[in-house]
C-alpha atoms as a PDB file:
ATOM      1  CA  MET A   1     -21.294  11.603  33.486  1.00  0.00           C
ATOM      2  CA  TYR A   2     -18.872  12.358  30.673  1.00  0.00           C
ATOM      3  CA  ALA A   3     -19.016  10.170  27.533  1.00  0.00           C
ATOM      4  CA  VAL A   4     -16.452  10.428  24.768  1.00  0.00           C
ATOM      5  CA  PHE A   5     -16.588   9.033  21.255  1.00  0.00           C
ATOM      6  CA  LEU A   6     -13.505   9.569  19.129  1.00  0.00           C
ATOM      7  CA  CYS A   7     -12.725   8.291  15.633  1.00  0.00           C
ATOM      8  CA  ASN A   8      -9.149   7.673  14.573  1.00  0.00           C
ATOM      9  CA  TYR A   9      -8.990   8.079  10.820  1.00  0.00           C
ATOM     10  CA  ASP A  10      -7.701  10.646   8.372  1.00  0.00           C
ATOM     11  CA  GLY A  11      -9.691  13.838   8.464  1.00  0.00           C
ATOM     12  CA  ALA A  12     -11.441  12.760  11.656  1.00  0.00           C
ATOM     13  CA  MET A  13     -13.896  14.946  13.405  1.00  0.00           C
ATOM     14  CA  ALA A  14     -15.432  13.474  16.507  1.00  0.00           C
ATOM     15  CA  LEU A  15     -18.324  14.052  18.851  1.00  0.00           C
ATOM     16  CA  LYS A  16     -18.070  13.916  22.592  1.00  0.00           C
ATOM     17  CA  ASN A  17     -20.793  14.496  25.107  1.00  0.00           C
ATOM     18  CA  ASN A  18     -20.152  16.842  27.954  1.00  0.00           C
ATOM     19  CA  ALA A  19     -21.596  16.444  31.446  1.00  0.00           C
ATOM     20  CA  ASP A  20     -24.918  17.933  30.306  1.00  0.00           C
ATOM     21  CA  SER A  21     -25.249  15.405  27.438  1.00  0.00           C
ATOM     22  CA  GLN A  22     -24.671  18.104  24.859  1.00  0.00           C
ATOM     23  CA  ALA A  23     -22.821  17.013  21.748  1.00  0.00           C
ATOM     24  CA  VAL A  24     -19.633  18.964  21.214  1.00  0.00           C
ATOM     25  CA  LEU A  25     -17.675  18.795  17.957  1.00  0.00           C
ATOM     26  CA  ILE A  26     -13.946  18.577  18.542  1.00  0.00           C
ATOM     27  CA  ALA A  27     -11.219  19.294  16.026  1.00  0.00           C
ATOM     28  CA  ASN A  28      -8.660  16.976  14.478  1.00  0.00           C
ATOM     29  CA  ASP A  29      -5.913  17.994  16.885  1.00  0.00           C
ATOM     30  CA  GLU A  30      -7.959  16.611  19.787  1.00  0.00           C
ATOM     31  CA  VAL A  31      -8.358  13.203  18.112  1.00  0.00           C
ATOM     32  CA  SER A  32      -5.381  10.975  18.773  1.00  0.00           C
ATOM     33  CA  PRO A  33      -4.329   9.274  15.529  1.00  0.00           C
ATOM     34  CA  THR A  34      -3.703   5.563  15.345  1.00  0.00           C
ATOM     35  CA  VAL A  35       0.050   5.067  15.325  1.00  0.00           C
ATOM     36  CA  LEU A  36       1.344   2.350  13.014  1.00  0.00           C
ATOM     37  CA  ALA A  37       4.374   0.359  13.986  1.00  0.00           C
ATOM     38  CA  ALA A  38       7.366   0.936  11.765  1.00  0.00           C
ATOM     39  CA  PRO A  39       7.789  -1.746   9.102  1.00  0.00           C
ATOM     40  CA  PRO A  40      10.824  -4.044   9.361  1.00  0.00           C
ATOM     41  CA  LYS A  41      14.114  -2.374   8.397  1.00  0.00           C
ATOM     42  CA  THR A  42      14.998  -5.388   6.271  1.00  0.00           C
ATOM     43  CA  TRP A  43      12.876  -8.048   4.618  1.00  0.00           C
ATOM     44  CA  LYS A  44      14.259 -11.268   3.154  1.00  0.00           C
ATOM     45  CA  GLU A  45      12.348 -12.365   0.079  1.00  0.00           C
ATOM     46  CA  HIS A  46      11.110 -15.948   0.196  1.00  0.00           C
ATOM     47  CA  TRP A  47       8.733 -16.181  -2.739  1.00  0.00           C
ATOM     48  CA  LEU A  48       8.969 -17.421  -6.300  1.00  0.00           C
ATOM     49  CA  ASP A  49      12.615 -17.185  -7.372  1.00  0.00           C
ATOM     50  CA  HIS A  50      13.219 -14.071  -5.239  1.00  0.00           C
ATOM     51  CA  GLU A  51      15.859 -14.337  -2.533  1.00  0.00           C
ATOM     52  CA  GLN A  52      17.089 -10.757  -2.097  1.00  0.00           C
ATOM     53  CA  LEU A  53      17.583  -9.015   1.227  1.00  0.00           C
ATOM     54  CA  LEU A  54      15.552  -5.824   0.955  1.00  0.00           C
ATOM     55  CA  SER A  55      16.154  -2.574   2.830  1.00  0.00           C
ATOM     56  CA  LEU A  56      13.448  -0.200   3.967  1.00  0.00           C
ATOM     57  CA  VAL A  57      14.210   3.181   2.387  1.00  0.00           C
ATOM     58  CA  HIS A  58      11.006   5.072   3.177  1.00  0.00           C
ATOM     59  CA  HIS A  59       7.735   4.613   5.006  1.00  0.00           C
ATOM     60  CA  ASN A  60       4.697   6.534   6.130  1.00  0.00           C
ATOM     61  CA  GLU A  61       1.128   5.561   6.984  1.00  0.00           C
ATOM     62  CA  HIS A  62       0.421   4.640   3.336  1.00  0.00           C
ATOM     63  CA  VAL A  63       3.548   2.924   1.998  1.00  0.00           C
ATOM     64  CA  ALA A  64       6.671   1.048   2.950  1.00  0.00           C
ATOM     65  CA  VAL A  65       9.222   1.218   0.138  1.00  0.00           C
ATOM     66  CA  TYR A  66      11.977  -1.390  -0.050  1.00  0.00           C
ATOM     67  CA  TYR A  67      14.974  -1.486  -2.398  1.00  0.00           C
ATOM     68  CA  ASP A  68      17.378  -4.299  -3.095  1.00  0.00           C
ATOM     69  CA  LYS A  69      21.105  -3.491  -2.954  1.00  0.00           C
ATOM     70  CA  ASP A  70      21.237  -2.505  -6.635  1.00  0.00           C
ATOM     71  CA  VAL A  71      18.579   0.228  -6.635  1.00  0.00           C
ATOM     72  CA  SER A  72      20.066   3.714  -6.469  1.00  0.00           C
ATOM     73  CA  ARG A  73      19.142   5.476  -3.247  1.00  0.00           C
ATOM     74  CA  SER A  74      18.784   8.664  -5.306  1.00  0.00           C
ATOM     75  CA  VAL A  75      15.495   7.250  -6.673  1.00  0.00           C
ATOM     76  CA  THR A  76      12.813   8.880  -4.524  1.00  0.00           C
ATOM     77  CA  TRP A  77       9.760   9.291  -6.765  1.00  0.00           C
ATOM     78  CA  PRO A  78       8.158   6.025  -5.470  1.00  0.00           C
ATOM     79  CA  PHE A  79       7.811   7.574  -2.008  1.00  0.00           C
ATOM     80  CA  THR A  80       5.207  10.115  -3.082  1.00  0.00           C
ATOM     81  CA  TYR A  81       3.795   8.446  -6.173  1.00  0.00           C
ATOM     82  CA  MET A  82       3.050   5.090  -4.559  1.00  0.00           C
ATOM     83  CA  ALA A  83       1.590   6.771  -1.462  1.00  0.00           C
ATOM     84  CA  GLU A  84      -0.776   8.752  -3.700  1.00  0.00           C
ATOM     85  CA  VAL A  85      -1.747   5.664  -5.733  1.00  0.00           C
ATOM     86  CA  TRP A  86      -2.444   3.694  -2.551  1.00  0.00           C
ATOM     87  CA  GLN A  87      -4.439   6.544  -0.962  1.00  0.00           C
ATOM     88  CA  TYR A  88      -6.560   6.740  -4.117  1.00  0.00           C
ATOM     89  CA  THR A  89      -6.997   2.964  -4.128  1.00  0.00           C
ATOM     90  CA  LYS A  90      -8.219   2.857  -0.527  1.00  0.00           C
ATOM     91  CA  LYS A  91     -10.526   5.839  -1.046  1.00  0.00           C
ATOM     92  CA  VAL A  92     -12.175   4.336  -4.131  1.00  0.00           C
ATOM     93  CA  TYR A  93     -12.063   0.590  -3.378  1.00  0.00           C
ATOM     94  CA  GLY A  94     -11.971   0.446   0.422  1.00  0.00           C
ATOM     95  CA  LYS A  95      -9.586  -1.150   2.874  1.00  0.00           C
ATOM     96  CA  PHE A  96      -7.342  -4.074   2.032  1.00  0.00           C
ATOM     97  CA  GLY A  97      -6.840  -5.803   5.359  1.00  0.00           C
ATOM     98  CA  THR A  98      -5.867  -4.295   8.682  1.00  0.00           C
ATOM     99  CA  ASP A  99      -2.447  -2.952   7.645  1.00  0.00           C
ATOM    100  CA  SER A 100      -3.056   0.346   5.881  1.00  0.00           C
ATOM    101  CA  ARG A 101       0.233   0.231   3.984  1.00  0.00           C
ATOM    102  CA  LEU A 102       1.223  -0.860   0.516  1.00  0.00           C
ATOM    103  CA  TYR A 103       4.623  -2.571   0.512  1.00  0.00           C
ATOM    104  CA  ALA A 104       6.444  -1.534  -2.668  1.00  0.00           C
ATOM    105  CA  ILE A 105       9.558  -3.532  -3.561  1.00  0.00           C
ATOM    106  CA  TYR A 106      12.013  -2.368  -6.219  1.00  0.00           C
ATOM    107  CA  HIS A 107      14.821  -4.297  -7.903  1.00  0.00           C
ATOM    108  CA  THR A 108      17.273  -3.184 -10.576  1.00  0.00           C
ATOM    109  CA  ASN A 109      18.087  -5.450 -13.523  1.00  0.00           C
ATOM    110  CA  LYS A 110      16.387  -8.467 -11.977  1.00  0.00           C
ATOM    111  CA  TYR A 111      13.106 -10.179 -12.682  1.00  0.00           C
ATOM    112  CA  SER A 112      11.326  -8.933 -15.782  1.00  0.00           C
ATOM    113  CA  GLY A 113       8.067  -7.166 -15.058  1.00  0.00           C
ATOM    114  CA  GLY A 114       6.489  -7.418 -11.659  1.00  0.00           C
ATOM    115  CA  HIS A 115       3.939  -9.194  -9.556  1.00  0.00           C
ATOM    116  CA  PRO A 116       1.482  -8.364  -6.778  1.00  0.00           C
ATOM    117  CA  SER A 117       0.480 -10.114  -3.607  1.00  0.00           C
ATOM    118  CA  THR A 118      -2.304  -9.335  -1.169  1.00  0.00           C
ATOM    119  CA  TYR A 119      -3.044  -9.505   2.514  1.00  0.00           C
ATOM    120  CA  LEU A 120      -5.078 -12.649   1.793  1.00  0.00           C
ATOM    121  CA  ASP A 121      -1.984 -14.533   0.605  1.00  0.00           C
ATOM    122  CA  ALA A 122       0.642 -15.967   2.972  1.00  0.00           C
ATOM    123  CA  SER A 123       3.368 -16.004   0.296  1.00  0.00           C
ATOM    124  CA  HIS A 124       4.320 -12.368   0.988  1.00  0.00           C
ATOM    125  CA  ASP A 125       3.567 -12.433   4.715  1.00  0.00           C
ATOM    126  CA  HIS A 126      -0.061 -11.308   4.319  1.00  0.00           C
ATOM    127  CA  ARG A 127       0.934  -7.869   3.049  1.00  0.00           C
ATOM    128  CA  ASN A 128      -0.323  -5.878   0.077  1.00  0.00           C
ATOM    129  CA  VAL A 129       2.778  -5.930  -2.107  1.00  0.00           C
ATOM    130  CA  ILE A 130       3.987  -4.826  -5.487  1.00  0.00           C
ATOM    131  CA  ASP A 131       7.337  -6.353  -6.423  1.00  0.00           C
ATOM    132  CA  VAL A 132       8.866  -4.894  -9.577  1.00  0.00           C
ATOM    133  CA  GLY A 133      12.134  -5.864 -11.158  1.00  0.00           C
ATOM    134  CA  PRO A 134      13.511  -4.364 -14.313  1.00  0.00           C
ATOM    135  CA  GLY A 135      14.632  -0.980 -12.967  1.00  0.00           C
ATOM    136  CA  PRO A 136      16.670   1.218 -12.818  1.00  0.00           C
ATOM    137  CA  TRP A 137      13.671   3.454 -11.899  1.00  0.00           C
ATOM    138  CA  LYS A 138      15.466   6.734 -12.573  1.00  0.00           C
ATOM    139  CA  SER A 139      12.879   8.532 -14.717  1.00  0.00           C
ATOM    140  CA  GLY A 140       9.749   8.237 -12.599  1.00  0.00           C
ATOM    141  CA  LYS A 141       7.839   8.447 -15.892  1.00  0.00           C
ATOM    142  CA  GLY A 142       6.349   6.137 -18.502  1.00  0.00           C
ATOM    143  CA  ASN A 143       6.894   2.459 -17.748  1.00  0.00           C
ATOM    144  CA  ASP A 144       8.228   3.237 -14.260  1.00  0.00           C
ATOM    145  CA  LEU A 145       4.773   4.509 -13.321  1.00  0.00           C
ATOM    146  CA  ASP A 146       2.760   2.168 -15.543  1.00  0.00           C
ATOM    147  CA  LEU A 147       4.273  -1.033 -14.170  1.00  0.00           C
ATOM    148  CA  CYS A 148       3.829  -0.022 -10.532  1.00  0.00           C
ATOM    149  CA  THR A 149       0.242   1.131 -11.055  1.00  0.00           C
ATOM    150  CA  HIS A 150      -0.529  -2.042 -13.021  1.00  0.00           C
ATOM    151  CA  GLU A 151       0.526  -4.189 -10.049  1.00  0.00           C
ATOM    152  CA  VAL A 152      -1.645  -2.154  -7.657  1.00  0.00           C
ATOM    153  CA  ALA A 153      -4.578  -2.773 -10.019  1.00  0.00           C
ATOM    154  CA  HIS A 154      -3.999  -6.506  -9.538  1.00  0.00           C
ATOM    155  CA  ILE A 155      -4.230  -6.069  -5.758  1.00  0.00           C
ATOM    156  CA  VAL A 156      -7.655  -4.471  -6.238  1.00  0.00           C
ATOM    157  CA  GLU A 157      -8.672  -7.223  -8.640  1.00  0.00           C
ATOM    158  CA  ASP A 158      -7.408 -10.032  -6.405  1.00  0.00           C
ATOM    159  CA  ALA A 159      -8.491  -8.850  -2.941  1.00  0.00           C
ATOM    160  CA  SER A 160     -11.277  -6.289  -3.178  1.00  0.00           C
ATOM    161  CA  LYS A 161     -13.931  -6.419  -0.457  1.00  0.00           C
ATOM    162  CA  GLY A 162     -12.128  -9.256   1.331  1.00  0.00           C
ATOM    163  CA  LYS A 163     -12.601 -11.743  -1.503  1.00  0.00           C
ATOM    164  CA  LYS A 164      -9.554 -13.663  -2.689  1.00  0.00           C
ATOM    165  CA  GLY A 165      -9.089 -14.034  -6.426  1.00  0.00           C
ATOM    166  CA  SER A 166     -10.653 -12.524  -9.495  1.00  0.00           C
ATOM    167  CA  PRO A 167     -13.658 -14.237 -11.036  1.00  0.00           C
ATOM    168  CA  ALA A 168     -13.075 -12.259 -14.230  1.00  0.00           C
ATOM    169  CA  PHE A 169      -9.318 -12.785 -14.671  1.00  0.00           C
ATOM    170  CA  THR A 170      -9.938 -15.324 -17.431  1.00  0.00           C
ATOM    171  CA  ILE A 171     -11.823 -12.586 -19.273  1.00  0.00           C
ATOM    172  CA  TRP A 172      -9.558  -9.639 -18.408  1.00  0.00           C
ATOM    173  CA  ASP A 173      -6.292 -11.578 -18.637  1.00  0.00           C
ATOM    174  CA  ASP A 174      -3.244  -9.706 -17.349  1.00  0.00           C
ATOM    175  CA  SER A 175      -3.871  -6.188 -18.562  1.00  0.00           C
ATOM    176  CA  LYS A 176      -7.438  -5.159 -19.312  1.00  0.00           C
ATOM    177  CA  TRP A 177      -8.532  -4.505 -15.716  1.00  0.00           C
ATOM    178  CA  ALA A 178      -5.305  -2.574 -15.119  1.00  0.00           C
ATOM    179  CA  GLU A 179      -6.080  -0.383 -18.134  1.00  0.00           C
ATOM    180  CA  ILE A 180      -9.475   0.468 -16.632  1.00  0.00           C
ATOM    181  CA  PHE A 181      -7.987   1.033 -13.187  1.00  0.00           C
END
């Protein structure tokens, strides 16, 4: 008899038993990774006062980055930065639903500030979302990074460990938890 046990996660190493019931360690290249479906190429906003048609400009297993029509396609820092922030978030705080991606939405000269949504909320199609508006996002420094990271902190605060809402938001208000995060 030949039993196989394989794990499909980043950095996976797996054990399989051969015919003699001896455990054999197999390398990453023998473990088939879970393949995520590509996110939608466009996404029509339908929340708050947002009504933009968004275009997918980048995606990998950690992020799906969407821009509205006014965001310069030369802005690429969110691809790496947001993937790294989301990887860190999942490593430290655990999973946030079954979709491993953060959906990062960027606008230019629309909507002051930003807002989050989580997989526990139907308003943004049960996705972990940051939706940020002032733009133009060219520097990839200072407030560009701070605002995006701040919204990810709210996802942690609002949906950690499968619990919806923050019991301490009245204490933290909008910024204190994000400063700790």
